[in-house]
Structure formats: C-alpha cells, structure tokens
C-alpha cells in the first residue's frame, strides 16, 4: 500500500488518535448506557471491552466511525492520492 505524505503526516498526528479514541469510546459507552464514572477499575474496563468486541453491531459502528475519521474526502477512493493535500 502506497502512502502519501499527507497520510503519513496524519498518522503521526496525536490529534488523529485522540479523535479515534474519544469517538470509539463514546460509541461504546453510549451503547452500553455507561458513563466514564462507571469505569472505576481495570476489571470493569476489560469487561466492557469484552462485551464490545463480542457485539457485531457495535464493532461495525466503531469500524465505520474510524473509517469516517481516516478517509480523506478530497481524494477519490479510500486512500490518499500522491500529491493530494501535501501542504497539510
């Protein structure tokens, strides 16, 4: 897979990963009607994670959200084209 300069820059940007983490975390918490205050121990975090990965609908929602964050709508297809938005 060929990566453009823009793709590499975006993947090195901590804001991208923070956005994905917050988005996916929000989906999971909302789906199970939880708040961050409900996750007071590592066992509760791991239990919620196990429940999340065992639910196909929730997994699809998280993947779709992540793709929406990663995709560059200014290029054709799913990948960045070489030269597209190199000034970013």
N, C-alpha and C. Protein backbone atom coordinates (compact mmCIF):
# COMPACT_ATOMS: atom_id res chain seq x y z
N UNK A 1 0.86 -1.17 0.00
CA UNK A 1 0.00 0.00 0.00
C UNK A 1 0.90 1.23 0.00
N UNK A 2 0.66 2.11 -0.95
CA UNK A 2 1.43 3.34 -1.07
C UNK A 2 0.81 4.42 -0.19
N UNK A 3 1.63 5.01 0.62
CA UNK A 3 1.13 6.08 1.50
C UNK A 3 1.64 7.41 1.00
N UNK A 4 0.75 8.37 0.90
CA UNK A 4 1.16 9.71 0.51
C UNK A 4 1.75 10.44 1.71
N UNK A 5 2.36 11.58 1.42
CA UNK A 5 2.93 12.38 2.51
C UNK A 5 1.84 12.80 3.49
N UNK A 6 0.66 13.10 2.95
CA UNK A 6 -0.44 13.56 3.79
C UNK A 6 -0.90 12.45 4.74
N UNK A 7 -0.99 11.23 4.24
CA UNK A 7 -1.40 10.10 5.09
C UNK A 7 -0.40 9.88 6.22
N UNK A 8 0.87 9.94 5.88
CA UNK A 8 1.91 9.75 6.90
C UNK A 8 1.84 10.86 7.95
N UNK A 9 1.64 12.09 7.49
CA UNK A 9 1.54 13.21 8.43
C UNK A 9 0.34 13.03 9.36
N UNK A 10 -0.79 12.62 8.79
CA UNK A 10 -1.99 12.46 9.63
C UNK A 10 -1.80 11.35 10.64
N UNK A 11 -1.16 10.25 10.25
CA UNK A 11 -0.99 9.13 11.18
C UNK A 11 0.00 9.45 12.29
N UNK A 12 0.88 10.40 12.06
CA UNK A 12 1.84 10.81 13.10
C UNK A 12 1.25 11.88 14.03
N UNK A 13 0.10 12.40 13.69
CA UNK A 13 -0.52 13.47 14.46
C UNK A 13 -1.30 12.87 15.64
N UNK A 14 -0.95 13.21 16.87
CA UNK A 14 -1.66 12.66 18.03
C UNK A 14 -3.15 13.02 18.04
N UNK A 15 -3.52 14.12 17.41
CA UNK A 15 -4.93 14.52 17.39
C UNK A 15 -5.78 13.48 16.67
N UNK A 16 -5.24 12.84 15.65
CA UNK A 16 -5.97 11.79 14.93
C UNK A 16 -6.31 10.64 15.88
N UNK A 17 -5.32 10.18 16.63
CA UNK A 17 -5.53 9.04 17.52
C UNK A 17 -6.41 9.39 18.71
N UNK A 18 -6.30 10.61 19.19
CA UNK A 18 -7.18 11.07 20.28
C UNK A 18 -8.62 11.12 19.78
N UNK A 19 -8.81 11.61 18.57
CA UNK A 19 -10.15 11.69 17.99
C UNK A 19 -10.76 10.30 17.83
N UNK A 20 -9.98 9.35 17.34
CA UNK A 20 -10.48 7.97 17.18
C UNK A 20 -10.82 7.38 18.55
N UNK A 21 -9.93 7.55 19.53
CA UNK A 21 -10.16 7.01 20.87
C UNK A 21 -11.43 7.58 21.49
N UNK A 22 -11.59 8.88 21.42
CA UNK A 22 -12.78 9.52 22.01
C UNK A 22 -14.05 9.10 21.27
N UNK A 23 -13.99 9.03 19.95
CA UNK A 23 -15.17 8.66 19.16
C UNK A 23 -15.60 7.23 19.44
N UNK A 24 -14.67 6.30 19.37
CA UNK A 24 -14.99 4.89 19.60
C UNK A 24 -15.41 4.68 21.06
N UNK A 25 -14.70 5.33 21.98
CA UNK A 25 -15.06 5.22 23.39
C UNK A 25 -16.46 5.74 23.67
N UNK A 26 -16.81 6.84 23.04
CA UNK A 26 -18.15 7.41 23.22
C UNK A 26 -19.23 6.48 22.70
N UNK A 27 -18.96 5.86 21.54
CA UNK A 27 -19.93 4.92 20.97
C UNK A 27 -20.14 3.75 21.92
N UNK A 28 -19.06 3.20 22.44
CA UNK A 28 -19.16 2.04 23.33
C UNK A 28 -19.88 2.41 24.63
N UNK A 29 -19.51 3.53 25.23
CA UNK A 29 -20.16 3.95 26.47
C UNK A 29 -21.65 4.21 26.26
N UNK A 30 -21.99 4.85 25.17
CA UNK A 30 -23.40 5.15 24.88
C UNK A 30 -24.19 3.87 24.63
N UNK A 31 -23.60 2.96 23.86
CA UNK A 31 -24.28 1.71 23.52
C UNK A 31 -24.64 0.91 24.78
N UNK A 32 -23.74 0.89 25.75
CA UNK A 32 -23.99 0.15 26.98
C UNK A 32 -24.55 1.01 28.10
N UNK A 33 -24.92 2.24 27.79
CA UNK A 33 -25.52 3.17 28.75
C UNK A 33 -24.62 3.35 29.98
N UNK A 34 -23.34 3.59 29.70
CA UNK A 34 -22.35 3.78 30.77
C UNK A 34 -21.82 5.21 30.72
N UNK A 35 -21.21 5.63 31.80
CA UNK A 35 -20.51 6.91 31.85
C UNK A 35 -19.06 6.62 32.23
N UNK A 36 -18.17 7.56 32.01
CA UNK A 36 -16.78 7.32 32.44
C UNK A 36 -16.66 7.01 33.94
N UNK A 37 -17.57 7.52 34.75
CA UNK A 37 -17.54 7.26 36.18
C UNK A 37 -17.83 5.79 36.51
N UNK A 38 -18.45 5.06 35.57
CA UNK A 38 -18.72 3.64 35.78
C UNK A 38 -17.47 2.78 35.64
N UNK A 39 -16.42 3.34 35.04
CA UNK A 39 -15.19 2.58 34.79
C UNK A 39 -14.16 2.93 35.86
N UNK A 40 -14.40 2.44 37.05
CA UNK A 40 -13.55 2.80 38.19
C UNK A 40 -12.47 1.77 38.49
N UNK A 41 -12.46 0.66 37.77
CA UNK A 41 -11.42 -0.35 37.97
C UNK A 41 -11.04 -0.93 36.61
N UNK A 42 -9.86 -1.51 36.56
CA UNK A 42 -9.42 -2.12 35.30
C UNK A 42 -10.32 -3.30 34.94
N UNK A 43 -10.83 -3.99 35.91
CA UNK A 43 -11.70 -5.14 35.61
C UNK A 43 -12.98 -4.67 34.92
N UNK A 44 -13.52 -3.52 35.33
CA UNK A 44 -14.73 -3.01 34.66
C UNK A 44 -14.41 -2.55 33.24
N UNK A 45 -13.21 -2.00 33.02
CA UNK A 45 -12.80 -1.58 31.67
C UNK A 45 -12.67 -2.82 30.78
N UNK A 46 -11.99 -3.85 31.27
CA UNK A 46 -11.80 -5.06 30.47
C UNK A 46 -13.12 -5.78 30.22
N UNK A 47 -14.01 -5.77 31.18
CA UNK A 47 -15.33 -6.39 31.00
C UNK A 47 -16.11 -5.66 29.91
N UNK A 48 -16.08 -4.34 29.92
CA UNK A 48 -16.76 -3.56 28.90
C UNK A 48 -16.13 -3.81 27.53
N UNK A 49 -14.81 -3.92 27.47
CA UNK A 49 -14.12 -4.21 26.21
C UNK A 49 -14.53 -5.57 25.67
N UNK A 50 -14.60 -6.59 26.55
CA UNK A 50 -15.01 -7.92 26.12
C UNK A 50 -16.42 -7.91 25.56
N UNK A 51 -17.31 -7.17 26.23
CA UNK A 51 -18.69 -7.07 25.74
C UNK A 51 -18.74 -6.35 24.39
N UNK A 52 -17.91 -5.35 24.23
CA UNK A 52 -17.90 -4.56 23.00
C UNK A 52 -17.42 -5.39 21.80
N UNK A 53 -16.36 -6.17 21.99
CA UNK A 53 -15.83 -6.93 20.85
C UNK A 53 -16.67 -8.15 20.52
N UNK A 54 -17.59 -8.52 21.40
CA UNK A 54 -18.45 -9.67 21.12
C UNK A 54 -19.77 -9.25 20.47
N UNK A 55 -19.95 -7.97 20.21
CA UNK A 55 -21.19 -7.48 19.61
C UNK A 55 -20.93 -7.01 18.18
N UNK A 56 -21.41 -7.75 17.17
CA UNK A 56 -21.13 -7.39 15.77
C UNK A 56 -21.64 -6.01 15.38
N UNK A 57 -22.81 -5.63 15.85
CA UNK A 57 -23.35 -4.31 15.51
C UNK A 57 -22.45 -3.20 16.04
N UNK A 58 -22.02 -3.34 17.27
CA UNK A 58 -21.15 -2.35 17.88
C UNK A 58 -19.80 -2.28 17.17
N UNK A 59 -19.24 -3.45 16.82
CA UNK A 59 -17.98 -3.46 16.09
C UNK A 59 -18.11 -2.75 14.75
N UNK A 60 -19.21 -3.02 14.03
CA UNK A 60 -19.44 -2.35 12.75
C UNK A 60 -19.53 -0.84 12.94
N UNK A 61 -20.23 -0.41 13.97
CA UNK A 61 -20.35 1.03 14.24
C UNK A 61 -19.00 1.68 14.52
N UNK A 62 -18.16 1.00 15.28
CA UNK A 62 -16.84 1.52 15.60
C UNK A 62 -15.94 1.56 14.37
N UNK A 63 -16.00 0.53 13.54
CA UNK A 63 -15.20 0.50 12.31
C UNK A 63 -15.66 1.59 11.36
N UNK A 64 -16.97 1.75 11.20
CA UNK A 64 -17.49 2.78 10.31
C UNK A 64 -17.08 4.18 10.77
N UNK A 65 -17.12 4.41 12.06
CA UNK A 65 -16.70 5.71 12.60
C UNK A 65 -15.22 5.95 12.37
N UNK A 66 -14.40 4.92 12.60
CA UNK A 66 -12.97 5.05 12.39
C UNK A 66 -12.66 5.32 10.91
N UNK A 67 -13.33 4.62 10.01
CA UNK A 67 -13.13 4.87 8.59
C UNK A 67 -13.52 6.30 8.22
N UNK A 68 -14.60 6.78 8.80
CA UNK A 68 -15.03 8.15 8.55
C UNK A 68 -14.00 9.17 8.99
N UNK A 69 -13.29 8.87 10.06
CA UNK A 69 -12.24 9.77 10.54
C UNK A 69 -11.00 9.68 9.66
N UNK A 70 -10.65 8.47 9.23
CA UNK A 70 -9.42 8.25 8.47
C UNK A 70 -9.51 8.65 7.00
N UNK A 71 -10.69 8.52 6.42
CA UNK A 71 -10.83 8.78 4.99
C UNK A 71 -10.66 10.26 4.68
N UNK A 72 -10.02 10.52 3.55
CA UNK A 72 -9.84 11.88 3.08
C UNK A 72 -10.90 12.14 2.01
N UNK A 73 -11.90 12.97 2.30
CA UNK A 73 -12.98 13.18 1.35
C UNK A 73 -12.57 13.99 0.12
N UNK A 74 -11.35 14.53 0.10
CA UNK A 74 -10.92 15.32 -1.05
C UNK A 74 -10.25 14.47 -2.11
N UNK A 75 -10.12 13.15 -1.87
CA UNK A 75 -9.48 12.28 -2.85
C UNK A 75 -10.45 11.20 -3.28
N UNK A 76 -10.17 10.61 -4.44
CA UNK A 76 -11.01 9.55 -4.98
C UNK A 76 -10.66 8.22 -4.30
N UNK A 77 -11.65 7.49 -3.85
CA UNK A 77 -11.41 6.20 -3.22
C UNK A 77 -11.17 6.31 -1.72
N UNK A 78 -10.61 5.24 -1.16
CA UNK A 78 -10.40 5.17 0.28
C UNK A 78 -9.03 5.68 0.72
N UNK A 79 -8.09 5.74 -0.20
CA UNK A 79 -6.73 6.13 0.14
C UNK A 79 -6.43 7.54 -0.34
N UNK A 80 -5.42 8.16 0.25
CA UNK A 80 -4.95 9.45 -0.23
C UNK A 80 -4.20 9.24 -1.54
N UNK A 81 -4.39 10.13 -2.48
CA UNK A 81 -3.61 10.10 -3.71
C UNK A 81 -2.29 10.81 -3.46
N UNK A 82 -1.26 10.36 -4.12
CA UNK A 82 0.02 11.06 -4.00
C UNK A 82 -0.16 12.48 -4.53
N UNK A 83 0.27 13.45 -3.76
CA UNK A 83 0.16 14.83 -4.17
C UNK A 83 -1.09 15.52 -3.68
N UNK A 84 -2.04 14.81 -3.16
CA UNK A 84 -3.28 15.43 -2.67
C UNK A 84 -3.05 16.03 -1.31
N UNK A 85 -3.32 17.29 -1.20
CA UNK A 85 -3.20 17.99 0.08
C UNK A 85 -1.83 17.83 0.73
N UNK A 86 -0.77 17.84 -0.07
CA UNK A 86 0.58 17.69 0.50
C UNK A 86 0.97 18.88 1.36
N UNK A 87 0.25 19.99 1.22
CA UNK A 87 0.60 21.16 2.01
C UNK A 87 0.03 21.13 3.40
N UNK A 88 -0.72 20.10 3.75
CA UNK A 88 -1.35 19.99 5.07
C UNK A 88 -0.31 19.67 6.11
